[in-house]
């Protein structure tokens, strides 16, 4: 998991929902940027082109864009290609991979979902407006209950963000209650649960969230700083550190005289 923000300037607005560094067993690693798209957006051609170019240059890896849609019309549009240039000459073009209700199966068997959590998650995302959406989400929730603790919060938040402002998102929030955020600042149930101190092991989860946020932003932490964070049991202090972890340029900037 990498930070999805492609720039330190928040006004540019080129972040996508999720970025993964994929490392196949036979080599040939690449970056996979995942974007949930609910409608046609003419501005996406430029922002997607910039994002893929920036990430490929920054990490020195090939980059792919996966667009997840909940309706066929948007999926057909998202397939592109999106060309940038002048009339008669294309200087740059973007060719997204697209998942939609037309090419992702409906998964209603918890055992099948457990065997491929990623496919099950994409099934829930692409069929979020389907009449079977509640059953699909319940199937994924049952599969996640058996998944390893590291995977569970990632898929949970990816679903919540990708479902957007839909009834399916509300249904998903009712199904999920876990600790640790992979998407700080996005207002998901996972993050709210941590911030309000409702989860079991909240101090441990809070320290992990702070350290993960720093790691995802590429900020190094010394052994002394990591020990200070992990030994902290005050939820209010951890809340402050998590907020600062999203903006600081060095790990020691987390701490103030009041901490």
C-alpha atoms as a PDB file:
ATOM      1  CA  UNK A   1       0.000   0.000   0.000  1.00  0.00           C
ATOM      2  CA  UNK A   2       1.369   3.420  -1.013  1.00  0.00           C
ATOM      3  CA  UNK A   3       0.081   6.875  -0.273  1.00  0.00           C
ATOM      4  CA  UNK A   4      -2.401   7.791  -3.037  1.00  0.00           C
ATOM      5  CA  UNK A   5      -1.453  11.492  -3.058  1.00  0.00           C
ATOM      6  CA  UNK A   6       0.726  12.337  -6.051  1.00  0.00           C
ATOM      7  CA  UNK A   7       1.787  15.770  -4.887  1.00  0.00           C
ATOM      8  CA  UNK A   8       2.502  17.762  -1.770  1.00  0.00           C
ATOM      9  CA  UNK A   9       0.264  20.534  -3.114  1.00  0.00           C
ATOM     10  CA  UNK A  10      -3.313  19.699  -2.016  1.00  0.00           C
ATOM     11  CA  UNK A  11      -4.786  22.203  -4.499  1.00  0.00           C
ATOM     12  CA  UNK A  12      -3.779  20.051  -7.485  1.00  0.00           C
ATOM     13  CA  UNK A  13      -6.213  17.285  -6.504  1.00  0.00           C
ATOM     14  CA  UNK A  14      -4.620  14.380  -8.356  1.00  0.00           C
ATOM     15  CA  UNK A  15      -5.054  11.693  -5.722  1.00  0.00           C
ATOM     16  CA  UNK A  16      -6.859   8.421  -6.504  1.00  0.00           C
ATOM     17  CA  UNK A  17      -8.531   6.054  -4.065  1.00  0.00           C
ATOM     18  CA  UNK A  18      -5.720   3.569  -3.571  1.00  0.00           C
ATOM     19  CA  UNK A  19      -2.246   2.711  -4.879  1.00  0.00           C
ATOM     20  CA  UNK A  20      -0.649  -0.708  -4.549  1.00  0.00           C
ATOM     21  CA  UNK A  21       2.895  -1.802  -5.292  1.00  0.00           C
ATOM     22  CA  UNK A  22       2.371  -5.237  -6.838  1.00  0.00           C
ATOM     23  CA  UNK A  23       5.281  -7.683  -6.624  1.00  0.00           C
ATOM     24  CA  UNK A  24       4.595 -10.933  -8.548  1.00  0.00           C
ATOM     25  CA  UNK A  25       6.572 -14.025  -7.477  1.00  0.00           C
ATOM     26  CA  UNK A  26       8.323 -14.133 -10.859  1.00  0.00           C
ATOM     27  CA  UNK A  27       9.464 -10.483 -10.722  1.00  0.00           C
ATOM     28  CA  UNK A  28       8.299  -7.590 -12.881  1.00  0.00           C
ATOM     29  CA  UNK A  29       6.737  -5.416 -10.194  1.00  0.00           C
ATOM     30  CA  UNK A  30       4.403  -2.546 -11.046  1.00  0.00           C
ATOM     31  CA  UNK A  31       2.125   0.076  -9.497  1.00  0.00           C
ATOM     32  CA  UNK A  32      -1.647  -0.306  -9.574  1.00  0.00           C
ATOM     33  CA  UNK A  33      -3.684   2.854  -8.999  1.00  0.00           C
ATOM     34  CA  UNK A  34      -7.355   2.144  -8.202  1.00  0.00           C
ATOM     35  CA  UNK A  35     -10.057   4.752  -8.808  1.00  0.00           C
ATOM     36  CA  UNK A  36     -13.793   4.349  -8.206  1.00  0.00           C
ATOM     37  CA  UNK A  37     -15.605   6.438 -10.810  1.00  0.00           C
ATOM     38  CA  UNK A  38     -19.310   7.160 -10.504  1.00  0.00           C
ATOM     39  CA  UNK A  39     -19.803   9.328 -13.613  1.00  0.00           C
ATOM     40  CA  UNK A  40     -18.166  10.764 -16.717  1.00  0.00           C
ATOM     41  CA  UNK A  41     -15.649  13.477 -15.904  1.00  0.00           C
ATOM     42  CA  UNK A  42     -13.881  15.348 -18.736  1.00  0.00           C
ATOM     43  CA  UNK A  43     -11.145  16.525 -16.372  1.00  0.00           C
ATOM     44  CA  UNK A  44      -9.960  12.989 -15.640  1.00  0.00           C
ATOM     45  CA  UNK A  45      -7.919  12.647 -18.838  1.00  0.00           C
ATOM     46  CA  UNK A  46      -5.347  15.198 -17.713  1.00  0.00           C
ATOM     47  CA  UNK A  47      -5.314  14.241 -14.026  1.00  0.00           C
ATOM     48  CA  UNK A  48      -4.968  10.510 -14.748  1.00  0.00           C
ATOM     49  CA  UNK A  49      -2.163  11.126 -17.236  1.00  0.00           C
ATOM     50  CA  UNK A  50      -0.332  13.305 -14.731  1.00  0.00           C
ATOM     51  CA  UNK A  51      -0.863  10.843 -11.923  1.00  0.00           C
ATOM     52  CA  UNK A  52       0.430   7.804 -13.807  1.00  0.00           C
ATOM     53  CA  UNK A  53       3.466   9.704 -15.118  1.00  0.00           C
ATOM     54  CA  UNK A  54       4.301  11.104 -11.688  1.00  0.00           C
ATOM     55  CA  UNK A  55       4.015   7.758  -9.886  1.00  0.00           C
ATOM     56  CA  UNK A  56       6.036   5.913 -12.547  1.00  0.00           C
ATOM     57  CA  UNK A  57       8.821   8.503 -12.333  1.00  0.00           C
ATOM     58  CA  UNK A  58       8.786   8.678  -8.529  1.00  0.00           C
ATOM     59  CA  UNK A  59       8.917   4.920  -7.911  1.00  0.00           C
ATOM     60  CA  UNK A  60      10.698   3.936 -11.147  1.00  0.00           C
ATOM     61  CA  UNK A  61       8.093   1.277 -11.858  1.00  0.00           C
ATOM     62  CA  UNK A  62       5.495   0.808 -14.615  1.00  0.00           C
ATOM     63  CA  UNK A  63       2.092   2.159 -13.566  1.00  0.00           C
ATOM     64  CA  UNK A  64      -1.394   0.938 -14.418  1.00  0.00           C
ATOM     65  CA  UNK A  65      -4.748   2.590 -13.711  1.00  0.00           C
ATOM     66  CA  UNK A  66      -7.739   0.452 -12.718  1.00  0.00           C
ATOM     67  CA  UNK A  67     -11.101   2.265 -12.850  1.00  0.00           C
ATOM     68  CA  UNK A  68     -14.022   0.656 -11.010  1.00  0.00           C
ATOM     69  CA  UNK A  69     -17.537   1.635 -12.150  1.00  0.00           C
ATOM     70  CA  UNK A  70     -21.054   0.787 -10.975  1.00  0.00           C
ATOM     71  CA  UNK A  71     -22.826   1.217 -14.323  1.00  0.00           C
ATOM     72  CA  UNK A  72     -22.122   0.224 -17.923  1.00  0.00           C
ATOM     73  CA  UNK A  73     -22.344   3.760 -19.335  1.00  0.00           C
ATOM     74  CA  UNK A  74     -19.583   5.037 -17.070  1.00  0.00           C
ATOM     75  CA  UNK A  75     -17.523   1.880 -17.631  1.00  0.00           C
ATOM     76  CA  UNK A  76     -17.687   2.297 -21.420  1.00  0.00           C
ATOM     77  CA  UNK A  77     -16.520   5.900 -21.096  1.00  0.00           C
ATOM     78  CA  UNK A  78     -13.754   5.076 -18.616  1.00  0.00           C
ATOM     79  CA  UNK A  79     -12.149   2.601 -21.034  1.00  0.00           C
ATOM     80  CA  UNK A  80     -10.926   5.567 -23.073  1.00  0.00           C
ATOM     81  CA  UNK A  81      -8.472   6.000 -24.587  1.00  0.00           C
ATOM     82  CA  UNK A  82      -8.019   9.562 -23.334  1.00  0.00           C
ATOM     83  CA  UNK A  83      -5.779  11.500 -25.690  1.00  0.00           C
ATOM     84  CA  UNK A  84      -3.801  14.631 -24.897  1.00  0.00           C
ATOM     85  CA  UNK A  85      -2.281  16.770 -27.616  1.00  0.00           C
ATOM     86  CA  UNK A  86      -3.382  18.975 -30.494  1.00  0.00           C
ATOM     87  CA  UNK A  87      -5.681  18.297 -33.410  1.00  0.00           C
ATOM     88  CA  UNK A  88      -4.094  15.746 -35.680  1.00  0.00           C
ATOM     89  CA  UNK A  89      -1.416  14.649 -33.219  1.00  0.00           C
ATOM     90  CA  UNK A  90      -1.656  12.719 -29.937  1.00  0.00           C
ATOM     91  CA  UNK A  91       1.228  13.489 -27.597  1.00  0.00           C
ATOM     92  CA  UNK A  92       0.023  11.260 -24.772  1.00  0.00           C
ATOM     93  CA  UNK A  93      -2.833   8.798 -24.260  1.00  0.00           C
ATOM     94  CA  UNK A  94      -4.237   6.995 -21.212  1.00  0.00           C
ATOM     95  CA  UNK A  95      -5.713   3.497 -21.501  1.00  0.00           C
ATOM     96  CA  UNK A  96      -7.303   2.494 -18.160  1.00  0.00           C
ATOM     97  CA  UNK A  97      -8.204  -1.020 -17.171  1.00  0.00           C
ATOM     98  CA  UNK A  98     -11.914  -0.975 -16.342  1.00  0.00           C
ATOM     99  CA  UNK A  99     -14.060  -3.142 -14.078  1.00  0.00           C
ATOM    100  CA  UNK A 100     -17.838  -2.786 -14.149  1.00  0.00           C
ATOM    101  CA  UNK A 101     -21.009  -4.779 -13.663  1.00  0.00           C
ATOM    102  CA  UNK A 102     -20.597  -6.171 -17.181  1.00  0.00           C
ATOM    103  CA  UNK A 103     -17.269  -7.939 -16.618  1.00  0.00           C
ATOM    104  CA  UNK A 104     -17.190  -8.707 -12.865  1.00  0.00           C
ATOM    105  CA  UNK A 105     -19.251 -11.626 -11.531  1.00  0.00           C
ATOM    106  CA  UNK A 106     -21.719 -11.408  -8.659  1.00  0.00           C
ATOM    107  CA  UNK A 107     -20.280 -13.345  -5.715  1.00  0.00           C
ATOM    108  CA  UNK A 108     -22.796 -14.608  -3.148  1.00  0.00           C
ATOM    109  CA  UNK A 109     -20.854 -17.569  -1.725  1.00  0.00           C
ATOM    110  CA  UNK A 110     -18.723 -16.710   1.348  1.00  0.00           C
ATOM    111  CA  UNK A 111     -16.332 -19.581   0.615  1.00  0.00           C
ATOM    112  CA  UNK A 112     -15.793 -18.359  -2.936  1.00  0.00           C
ATOM    113  CA  UNK A 113     -15.250 -14.838  -1.619  1.00  0.00           C
ATOM    114  CA  UNK A 114     -12.703 -16.093   0.929  1.00  0.00           C
ATOM    115  CA  UNK A 115     -10.652 -17.709  -1.842  1.00  0.00           C
ATOM    116  CA  UNK A 116     -10.279 -14.392  -3.696  1.00  0.00           C
ATOM    117  CA  UNK A 117     -10.926 -11.369  -1.478  1.00  0.00           C
ATOM    118  CA  UNK A 118      -9.848  -8.935  -4.178  1.00  0.00           C
ATOM    119  CA  UNK A 119     -12.348 -10.250  -6.708  1.00  0.00           C
ATOM    120  CA  UNK A 120     -15.040 -10.319  -4.016  1.00  0.00           C
ATOM    121  CA  UNK A 121     -14.289  -6.694  -3.141  1.00  0.00           C
ATOM    122  CA  UNK A 122     -14.503  -5.634  -6.791  1.00  0.00           C
ATOM    123  CA  UNK A 123     -17.764  -7.576  -7.086  1.00  0.00           C
ATOM    124  CA  UNK A 124     -19.200  -5.568  -4.199  1.00  0.00           C
ATOM    125  CA  UNK A 125     -17.928  -2.303  -5.674  1.00  0.00           C
ATOM    126  CA  UNK A 126     -19.134  -2.814  -9.234  1.00  0.00           C
ATOM    127  CA  UNK A 127     -22.539  -4.152  -8.195  1.00  0.00           C
ATOM    128  CA  UNK A 128     -23.144  -1.519  -5.511  1.00  0.00           C
ATOM    129  CA  UNK A 129     -26.338  -0.366  -7.253  1.00  0.00           C
ATOM    130  CA  UNK A 130     -27.590  -3.887  -7.941  1.00  0.00           C
ATOM    131  CA  UNK A 131     -30.693  -5.187  -6.108  1.00  0.00           C
ATOM    132  CA  UNK A 132     -28.412  -7.939  -4.773  1.00  0.00           C
ATOM    133  CA  UNK A 133     -25.988  -5.401  -3.279  1.00  0.00           C
ATOM    134  CA  UNK A 134     -26.910  -6.113   0.385  1.00  0.00           C
ATOM    135  CA  UNK A 135     -26.369  -9.853  -0.126  1.00  0.00           C
ATOM    136  CA  UNK A 136     -23.061  -9.251  -1.957  1.00  0.00           C
ATOM    137  CA  UNK A 137     -21.821  -7.005   0.857  1.00  0.00           C
ATOM    138  CA  UNK A 138     -22.858  -9.525   3.504  1.00  0.00           C
ATOM    139  CA  UNK A 139     -20.949 -12.228   1.637  1.00  0.00           C
ATOM    140  CA  UNK A 140     -17.806 -10.104   1.576  1.00  0.00           C
ATOM    141  CA  UNK A 141     -18.182  -9.230   5.262  1.00  0.00           C
ATOM    142  CA  UNK A 142     -18.386 -12.925   6.129  1.00  0.00           C
ATOM    143  CA  UNK A 143     -15.262 -13.608   4.087  1.00  0.00           C
ATOM    144  CA  UNK A 144     -13.379 -10.727   5.715  1.00  0.00           C
ATOM    145  CA  UNK A 145     -14.221 -12.113   9.151  1.00  0.00           C
ATOM    146  CA  UNK A 146     -11.945 -15.043   8.302  1.00  0.00           C
ATOM    147  CA  UNK A 147      -9.244 -12.947   6.604  1.00  0.00           C
ATOM    148  CA  UNK A 148      -5.910 -11.994   8.129  1.00  0.00           C
ATOM    149  CA  UNK A 149      -6.036  -8.849  10.319  1.00  0.00           C
ATOM    150  CA  UNK A 150      -3.775  -6.895   7.951  1.00  0.00           C
ATOM    151  CA  UNK A 151      -6.102  -7.330   4.960  1.00  0.00           C
ATOM    152  CA  UNK A 152      -9.397  -6.713   6.727  1.00  0.00           C
ATOM    153  CA  UNK A 153      -9.169  -2.937   7.327  1.00  0.00           C
ATOM    154  CA  UNK A 154      -7.805  -2.259   3.831  1.00  0.00           C
ATOM    155  CA  UNK A 155     -10.701  -3.944   2.030  1.00  0.00           C
ATOM    156  CA  UNK A 156     -13.183  -2.452   4.483  1.00  0.00           C
ATOM    157  CA  UNK A 157     -12.113   1.117   3.768  1.00  0.00           C
ATOM    158  CA  UNK A 158     -11.643   0.556   0.038  1.00  0.00           C
ATOM    159  CA  UNK A 159     -15.290  -0.525  -0.129  1.00  0.00           C
ATOM    160  CA  UNK A 160     -16.543   2.397   1.923  1.00  0.00           C
ATOM    161  CA  UNK A 161     -14.743   4.960  -0.229  1.00  0.00           C
ATOM    162  CA  UNK A 162     -15.517   3.249  -3.528  1.00  0.00           C
ATOM    163  CA  UNK A 163     -19.254   2.885  -2.868  1.00  0.00           C
ATOM    164  CA  UNK A 164     -19.580   6.673  -2.618  1.00  0.00           C
ATOM    165  CA  UNK A 165     -22.835   8.241  -1.471  1.00  0.00           C
ATOM    166  CA  UNK A 166     -25.036   5.207  -2.028  1.00  0.00           C
ATOM    167  CA  UNK A 167     -27.340   3.120   0.175  1.00  0.00           C
ATOM    168  CA  UNK A 168     -24.803   0.318  -0.223  1.00  0.00           C
ATOM    169  CA  UNK A 169     -22.218   2.445   1.598  1.00  0.00           C
ATOM    170  CA  UNK A 170     -24.553   2.875   4.565  1.00  0.00           C
ATOM    171  CA  UNK A 171     -25.189  -0.864   4.613  1.00  0.00           C
ATOM    172  CA  UNK A 172     -21.448  -1.540   4.517  1.00  0.00           C
ATOM    173  CA  UNK A 173     -20.764   0.817   7.432  1.00  0.00           C
ATOM    174  CA  UNK A 174     -23.224  -1.145   9.548  1.00  0.00           C
ATOM    175  CA  UNK A 175     -21.393  -4.371   8.741  1.00  0.00           C
ATOM    176  CA  UNK A 176     -17.906  -3.095   9.522  1.00  0.00           C
ATOM    177  CA  UNK A 177     -16.244  -2.124  12.798  1.00  0.00           C
ATOM    178  CA  UNK A 178     -12.433  -2.525  12.738  1.00  0.00           C
ATOM    179  CA  UNK A 179      -9.340  -0.630  13.860  1.00  0.00           C
ATOM    180  CA  UNK A 180      -6.502   0.925  11.847  1.00  0.00           C
ATOM    181  CA  UNK A 181      -6.773   3.263   8.873  1.00  0.00           C
ATOM    182  CA  UNK A 182      -5.233   2.858   5.425  1.00  0.00           C
ATOM    183  CA  UNK A 183      -6.986   6.007   4.194  1.00  0.00           C
ATOM    184  CA  UNK A 184      -6.380   8.710   6.833  1.00  0.00           C
ATOM    185  CA  UNK A 185      -8.462  11.827   6.459  1.00  0.00           C
ATOM    186  CA  UNK A 186     -11.221  10.211   4.343  1.00  0.00           C
ATOM    187  CA  UNK A 187     -13.810  10.018   7.164  1.00  0.00           C
ATOM    188  CA  UNK A 188     -14.436   6.274   6.933  1.00  0.00           C
ATOM    189  CA  UNK A 189     -16.010   4.223   9.717  1.00  0.00           C
ATOM    190  CA  UNK A 190     -12.631   2.642  10.409  1.00  0.00           C
ATOM    191  CA  UNK A 191     -11.065   6.039  11.016  1.00  0.00           C
ATOM    192  CA  UNK A 192     -14.045   7.265  13.041  1.00  0.00           C
ATOM    193  CA  UNK A 193     -13.884   4.158  15.205  1.00  0.00           C
ATOM    194  CA  UNK A 194     -10.249   4.857  15.968  1.00  0.00           C
ATOM    195  CA  UNK A 195     -10.713   8.586  16.582  1.00  0.00           C
ATOM    196  CA  UNK A 196     -13.631   8.052  18.961  1.00  0.00           C
ATOM    197  CA  UNK A 197     -11.791   5.366  20.885  1.00  0.00           C
ATOM    198  CA  UNK A 198     -14.527   2.733  20.488  1.00  0.00           C
ATOM    199  CA  UNK A 199     -12.392  -0.179  19.330  1.00  0.00           C
ATOM    200  CA  UNK A 200     -10.745  -2.794  21.519  1.00  0.00           C
ATOM    201  CA  UNK A 201      -7.038  -2.189  21.766  1.00  0.00           C
ATOM    202  CA  UNK A 202      -7.520   1.444  20.774  1.00  0.00           C
ATOM    203  CA  UNK A 203      -4.099   2.572  21.988  1.00  0.00           C
ATOM    204  CA  UNK A 204      -2.303  -0.133  20.004  1.00  0.00           C
ATOM    205  CA  UNK A 205      -4.409   0.609  16.960  1.00  0.00           C
ATOM    206  CA  UNK A 206      -3.748   4.326  17.349  1.00  0.00           C
ATOM    207  CA  UNK A 207       0.010   3.893  17.484  1.00  0.00           C
ATOM    208  CA  UNK A 208      -0.111   1.642  14.408  1.00  0.00           C
ATOM    209  CA  UNK A 209      -2.190   4.221  12.535  1.00  0.00           C
ATOM    210  CA  UNK A 210       0.337   6.968  13.304  1.00  0.00           C
ATOM    211  CA  UNK A 211       3.305   4.848  12.238  1.00  0.00           C
ATOM    212  CA  UNK A 212       1.543   3.596   9.088  1.00  0.00           C
ATOM    213  CA  UNK A 213       0.605   7.124   8.050  1.00  0.00           C
ATOM    214  CA  UNK A 214       4.225   8.249   8.389  1.00  0.00           C
ATOM    215  CA  UNK A 215       5.427   5.176   6.494  1.00  0.00           C
ATOM    216  CA  UNK A 216       2.934   5.673   3.656  1.00  0.00           C
ATOM    217  CA  UNK A 217       4.075   9.289   3.323  1.00  0.00           C
ATOM    218  CA  UNK A 218       7.722   8.193   3.082  1.00  0.00           C
ATOM    219  CA  UNK A 219       8.757   9.790   6.393  1.00  0.00           C
ATOM    220  CA  UNK A 220      11.481   7.945   8.292  1.00  0.00           C
ATOM    221  CA  UNK A 221      11.126   7.215  12.003  1.00  0.00           C
ATOM    222  CA  UNK A 222      13.970   6.468  14.381  1.00  0.00           C
ATOM    223  CA  UNK A 223      13.814   3.642  16.913  1.00  0.00           C
ATOM    224  CA  UNK A 224      13.410   6.212  19.684  1.00  0.00           C
ATOM    225  CA  UNK A 225      10.420   7.869  17.985  1.00  0.00           C
ATOM    226  CA  UNK A 226       8.781   4.529  17.191  1.00  0.00           C
ATOM    227  CA  UNK A 227       9.177   3.473  20.820  1.00  0.00           C
ATOM    228  CA  UNK A 228       7.635   6.737  22.044  1.00  0.00           C
ATOM    229  CA  UNK A 229       4.641   6.286  19.739  1.00  0.00           C
ATOM    230  CA  UNK A 230       4.047   2.608  20.534  1.00  0.00           C
ATOM    231  CA  UNK A 231       4.389   3.173  24.293  1.00  0.00           C
ATOM    232  CA  UNK A 232       1.812   5.959  24.340  1.00  0.00           C
ATOM    233  CA  UNK A 233      -1.508   4.939  25.939  1.00  0.00           C
ATOM    234  CA  UNK A 234      -3.235   8.316  25.876  1.00  0.00           C
ATOM    235  CA  UNK A 235      -5.857   8.270  23.106  1.00  0.00           C
ATOM    236  CA  UNK A 236      -6.134  12.060  22.919  1.00  0.00           C
ATOM    237  CA  UNK A 237      -2.381  12.358  22.367  1.00  0.00           C
ATOM    238  CA  UNK A 238      -2.445   9.643  19.712  1.00  0.00           C
ATOM    239  CA  UNK A 239      -5.312  11.502  18.015  1.00  0.00           C
ATOM    240  CA  UNK A 240      -3.162  14.641  17.857  1.00  0.00           C
ATOM    241  CA  UNK A 241      -0.207  12.687  16.507  1.00  0.00           C
ATOM    242  CA  UNK A 242      -2.355  11.051  13.813  1.00  0.00           C
ATOM    243  CA  UNK A 243      -3.612  14.468  12.688  1.00  0.00           C
ATOM    244  CA  UNK A 244      -0.060  15.827  12.542  1.00  0.00           C
ATOM    245  CA  UNK A 245       1.250  12.684  10.803  1.00  0.00           C
ATOM    246  CA  UNK A 246      -0.795  13.660   7.752  1.00  0.00           C
ATOM    247  CA  UNK A 247       1.046  16.959   7.279  1.00  0.00           C
ATOM    248  CA  UNK A 248       4.478  16.930   8.981  1.00  0.00           C
ATOM    249  CA  UNK A 249       7.656  16.794   6.917  1.00  0.00           C
ATOM    250  CA  UNK A 250       9.731  15.049   9.631  1.00  0.00           C
ATOM    251  CA  UNK A 251       8.744  12.562  12.343  1.00  0.00           C
ATOM    252  CA  UNK A 252       9.975  14.701  15.228  1.00  0.00           C
ATOM    253  CA  UNK A 253       7.475  17.391  14.221  1.00  0.00           C
ATOM    254  CA  UNK A 254       4.733  15.172  15.641  1.00  0.00           C
ATOM    255  CA  UNK A 255       5.636  16.170  19.184  1.00  0.00           C
ATOM    256  CA  UNK A 256       5.008  19.444  20.995  1.00  0.00           C
ATOM    257  CA  UNK A 257       5.820  20.587  24.504  1.00  0.00           C
ATOM    258  CA  UNK A 258       2.282  19.695  25.582  1.00  0.00           C
ATOM    259  CA  UNK A 259       2.632  16.009  24.591  1.00  0.00           C
END
